[in-house]
Each structure stands twice: as structure tokens, then as C-alpha cells.
C-alpha atoms as a PDB file:
ATOM      1  CA  MET A   1     -34.527  17.237   3.083  1.00  0.00           C
ATOM      2  CA  ALA A   2     -35.568  19.293   0.035  1.00  0.00           C
ATOM      3  CA  TYR A   3     -39.210  18.988   1.076  1.00  0.00           C
ATOM      4  CA  LYS A   4     -38.473  19.813   4.713  1.00  0.00           C
ATOM      5  CA  ASN A   5     -36.547  22.901   3.597  1.00  0.00           C
ATOM      6  CA  GLY A   6     -39.476  24.173   1.521  1.00  0.00           C
ATOM      7  CA  ALA A   7     -38.184  23.381  -1.962  1.00  0.00           C
ATOM      8  CA  ASP A   8     -40.659  23.005  -4.806  1.00  0.00           C
ATOM      9  CA  TYR A   9     -38.499  20.448  -6.631  1.00  0.00           C
ATOM     10  CA  ALA A  10     -35.889  17.810  -5.851  1.00  0.00           C
ATOM     11  CA  GLU A  11     -33.477  16.655  -8.540  1.00  0.00           C
ATOM     12  CA  ILE A  12     -32.828  12.916  -8.586  1.00  0.00           C
ATOM     13  CA  ASP A  13     -30.607  10.712 -10.735  1.00  0.00           C
ATOM     14  CA  VAL A  14     -31.924   7.379 -11.969  1.00  0.00           C
ATOM     15  CA  GLN A  15     -29.881   4.420 -13.188  1.00  0.00           C
ATOM     16  CA  GLN A  16     -30.721   0.870 -14.181  1.00  0.00           C
ATOM     17  CA  THR A  17     -29.468  -2.173 -12.278  1.00  0.00           C
ATOM     18  CA  ARG A  18     -28.096  -5.308 -13.939  1.00  0.00           C
ATOM     19  CA  ASP A  19     -31.536  -6.909 -13.630  1.00  0.00           C
ATOM     20  CA  GLY A  20     -33.367  -3.871 -15.020  1.00  0.00           C
ATOM     21  CA  HIS A  21     -34.635  -2.089 -11.892  1.00  0.00           C
ATOM     22  CA  LEU A  22     -34.481   1.687 -11.499  1.00  0.00           C
ATOM     23  CA  VAL A  23     -32.538   3.033  -8.522  1.00  0.00           C
ATOM     24  CA  LEU A  24     -31.450   6.480  -7.436  1.00  0.00           C
ATOM     25  CA  LEU A  25     -27.724   7.123  -7.566  1.00  0.00           C
ATOM     26  CA  HIS A  26     -25.691  10.054  -8.858  1.00  0.00           C
ATOM     27  CA  ASP A  27     -22.350   8.274  -9.241  1.00  0.00           C
ATOM     28  CA  SER A  28     -21.669   5.272 -11.440  1.00  0.00           C
ATOM     29  CA  SER A  29     -20.246   3.418  -8.457  1.00  0.00           C
ATOM     30  CA  PHE A  30     -21.585   2.908  -4.939  1.00  0.00           C
ATOM     31  CA  LYS A  31     -18.107   3.649  -3.506  1.00  0.00           C
ATOM     32  CA  ARG A  32     -18.787   7.199  -2.269  1.00  0.00           C
ATOM     33  CA  THR A  33     -22.213   6.508  -0.778  1.00  0.00           C
ATOM     34  CA  THR A  34     -21.840   2.971   0.565  1.00  0.00           C
ATOM     35  CA  GLY A  35     -18.119   2.172   0.546  1.00  0.00           C
ATOM     36  CA  VAL A  36     -18.702  -0.646  -1.966  1.00  0.00           C
ATOM     37  CA  ASN A  37     -16.704  -0.227  -5.166  1.00  0.00           C
ATOM     38  CA  GLU A  38     -19.256  -1.741  -7.563  1.00  0.00           C
ATOM     39  CA  THR A  39     -21.171  -0.120 -10.405  1.00  0.00           C
ATOM     40  CA  VAL A  40     -24.948   0.042 -10.673  1.00  0.00           C
ATOM     41  CA  TRP A  41     -24.987  -2.014 -13.872  1.00  0.00           C
ATOM     42  CA  ASP A  42     -22.946  -4.818 -12.276  1.00  0.00           C
ATOM     43  CA  MET A  43     -25.345  -5.352  -9.354  1.00  0.00           C
ATOM     44  CA  THR A  44     -28.886  -6.665  -9.048  1.00  0.00           C
ATOM     45  CA  LEU A  45     -31.518  -4.888  -6.991  1.00  0.00           C
ATOM     46  CA  GLU A  46     -31.334  -7.685  -4.415  1.00  0.00           C
ATOM     47  CA  GLU A  47     -27.587  -7.099  -4.031  1.00  0.00           C
ATOM     48  CA  ILE A  48     -28.039  -3.331  -3.856  1.00  0.00           C
ATOM     49  CA  ARG A  49     -30.643  -3.765  -1.109  1.00  0.00           C
ATOM     50  CA  THR A  50     -27.908  -5.139   1.177  1.00  0.00           C
ATOM     51  CA  LEU A  51     -25.910  -1.884   0.961  1.00  0.00           C
ATOM     52  CA  ASP A  52     -25.993   0.797   3.651  1.00  0.00           C
ATOM     53  CA  ALA A  53     -26.401   4.129   1.871  1.00  0.00           C
ATOM     54  CA  GLY A  54     -26.710   6.228   5.020  1.00  0.00           C
ATOM     55  CA  SER A  55     -23.772   5.603   7.329  1.00  0.00           C
ATOM     56  CA  HIS A  56     -21.247   7.402   5.120  1.00  0.00           C
ATOM     57  CA  PHE A  57     -23.241  10.627   5.562  1.00  0.00           C
ATOM     58  CA  ASP A  58     -24.113  10.374   9.239  1.00  0.00           C
ATOM     59  CA  GLU A  59     -24.683   7.549  11.728  1.00  0.00           C
ATOM     60  CA  ARG A  60     -28.268   8.802  12.135  1.00  0.00           C
ATOM     61  CA  PHE A  61     -28.913   7.413   8.641  1.00  0.00           C
ATOM     62  CA  ALA A  62     -27.314   3.998   9.231  1.00  0.00           C
ATOM     63  CA  GLY A  63     -29.082   1.230   7.369  1.00  0.00           C
ATOM     64  CA  GLU A  64     -30.762   3.557   4.876  1.00  0.00           C
ATOM     65  CA  PRO A  65     -31.210   1.621   1.607  1.00  0.00           C
ATOM     66  CA  VAL A  66     -30.518   2.842  -1.920  1.00  0.00           C
ATOM     67  CA  PRO A  67     -34.020   3.918  -3.019  1.00  0.00           C
ATOM     68  CA  THR A  68     -35.813   2.801  -6.141  1.00  0.00           C
ATOM     69  CA  LEU A  69     -37.538   5.286  -8.437  1.00  0.00           C
ATOM     70  CA  GLU A  70     -40.886   3.905  -7.309  1.00  0.00           C
ATOM     71  CA  GLU A  71     -40.017   4.564  -3.649  1.00  0.00           C
ATOM     72  CA  ALA A  72     -38.843   8.096  -4.439  1.00  0.00           C
ATOM     73  CA  ILE A  73     -42.047   8.891  -6.309  1.00  0.00           C
ATOM     74  CA  GLU A  74     -44.144   7.451  -3.503  1.00  0.00           C
ATOM     75  CA  ALA A  75     -42.291   9.591  -0.939  1.00  0.00           C
ATOM     76  CA  ALA A  76     -42.622  12.737  -3.091  1.00  0.00           C
ATOM     77  CA  LYS A  77     -46.293  12.402  -4.050  1.00  0.00           C
ATOM     78  CA  GLY A  78     -48.318  15.353  -2.853  1.00  0.00           C
ATOM     79  CA  LYS A  79     -45.273  16.967  -1.255  1.00  0.00           C
ATOM     80  CA  ILE A  80     -42.651  17.904  -3.830  1.00  0.00           C
ATOM     81  CA  LYS A  81     -42.087  17.711  -7.584  1.00  0.00           C
ATOM     82  CA  LEU A  82     -39.187  15.683  -8.966  1.00  0.00           C
ATOM     83  CA  ASN A  83     -36.747  16.629 -11.692  1.00  0.00           C
ATOM     84  CA  ILE A  84     -35.737  13.144 -12.831  1.00  0.00           C
ATOM     85  CA  GLU A  85     -32.370  12.906 -14.556  1.00  0.00           C
ATOM     86  CA  ILE A  86     -31.743   9.665 -16.410  1.00  0.00           C
ATOM     87  CA  LYS A  87     -28.089   8.680 -16.107  1.00  0.00           C
ATOM     88  CA  VAL A  88     -26.996   7.039 -19.337  1.00  0.00           C
ATOM     89  CA  ASN A  89     -23.900   4.892 -18.900  1.00  0.00           C
ATOM     90  CA  GLY A  90     -24.065   2.613 -21.943  1.00  0.00           C
ATOM     91  CA  HIS A  91     -25.202  -0.423 -19.959  1.00  0.00           C
ATOM     92  CA  GLU A  92     -28.922   0.343 -19.720  1.00  0.00           C
ATOM     93  CA  THR A  93     -31.702  -1.081 -21.864  1.00  0.00           C
ATOM     94  CA  ASP A  94     -34.687   1.097 -22.807  1.00  0.00           C
ATOM     95  CA  ILE A  95     -34.337   3.114 -19.585  1.00  0.00           C
ATOM     96  CA  GLU A  96     -36.176   6.163 -20.955  1.00  0.00           C
ATOM     97  CA  ARG A  97     -39.319   4.144 -21.667  1.00  0.00           C
ATOM     98  CA  GLN A  98     -39.062   2.421 -18.297  1.00  0.00           C
ATOM     99  CA  VAL A  99     -38.849   5.749 -16.428  1.00  0.00           C
ATOM    100  CA  VAL A 100     -41.846   7.180 -18.300  1.00  0.00           C
ATOM    101  CA  GLU A 101     -43.860   4.015 -17.618  1.00  0.00           C
ATOM    102  CA  GLU A 102     -43.022   4.247 -13.907  1.00  0.00           C
ATOM    103  CA  ILE A 103     -44.138   7.887 -13.813  1.00  0.00           C
ATOM    104  CA  TYR A 104     -47.473   7.005 -15.432  1.00  0.00           C
ATOM    105  CA  LYS A 105     -47.939   3.868 -13.328  1.00  0.00           C
ATOM    106  CA  MET A 106     -47.496   5.982 -10.186  1.00  0.00           C
ATOM    107  CA  ASN A 107     -49.757   8.751 -11.610  1.00  0.00           C
ATOM    108  CA  PHE A 108     -46.966  11.288 -11.129  1.00  0.00           C
ATOM    109  CA  GLN A 109     -47.102  13.196 -14.435  1.00  0.00           C
END
């Protein structure tokens, strides 16, 4: 929506899953966005992929998955810049390095 509304930047929050993947989520828990009262660090990416992150906002978004950082960068490339906030919750491992590596891997400096 930020891109469609003409914004230059979109701010995103990145957290690490139990199995070390990077996903976008502002809250510590998926409760508000999916109705599932589990934390990011207690779930694997495979488990998170089963969640519906769209229906709680509007039925038009039903079935929308929780995006990964890689997916967000891919969607933003050439359209909008990202302000990536790393959410530190005490359960992550080397998340800063992982985010920087993803940015370079995707050529999104």
C-alpha cells in the first residue's frame, strides 16, 4: 500500500523464527494479525506459513501469508525503499548479520 500511495519508503519489522528464518512481523506474537497466540521465536517458518495473516484485516486479504524478508525485498525492488527495523527479543541468533547478508544477496543496498 505504501508504494501504491506514492511513498518513497516503507518501514518493516524483521524477526527471526525458531529455525532461523527472517519474517516480517511488528508484534512478538501472531495473535493480533493471525489470531494465533504464538511467538515468532517459538514457531518454524513451515508452521508460520500455515497462518492466515490477511483475514483479520479484511476478507479481501484472506490467505495472505506472513512474508519473509526475502519476499519483501523482492516485492520492493525498483519500486520503493525499505527502512528495515530489526526486532530484538532475546531469542534471535546473529540476526543483524543475517539481515545484512540478505540485503546484499538480493542486491538491495
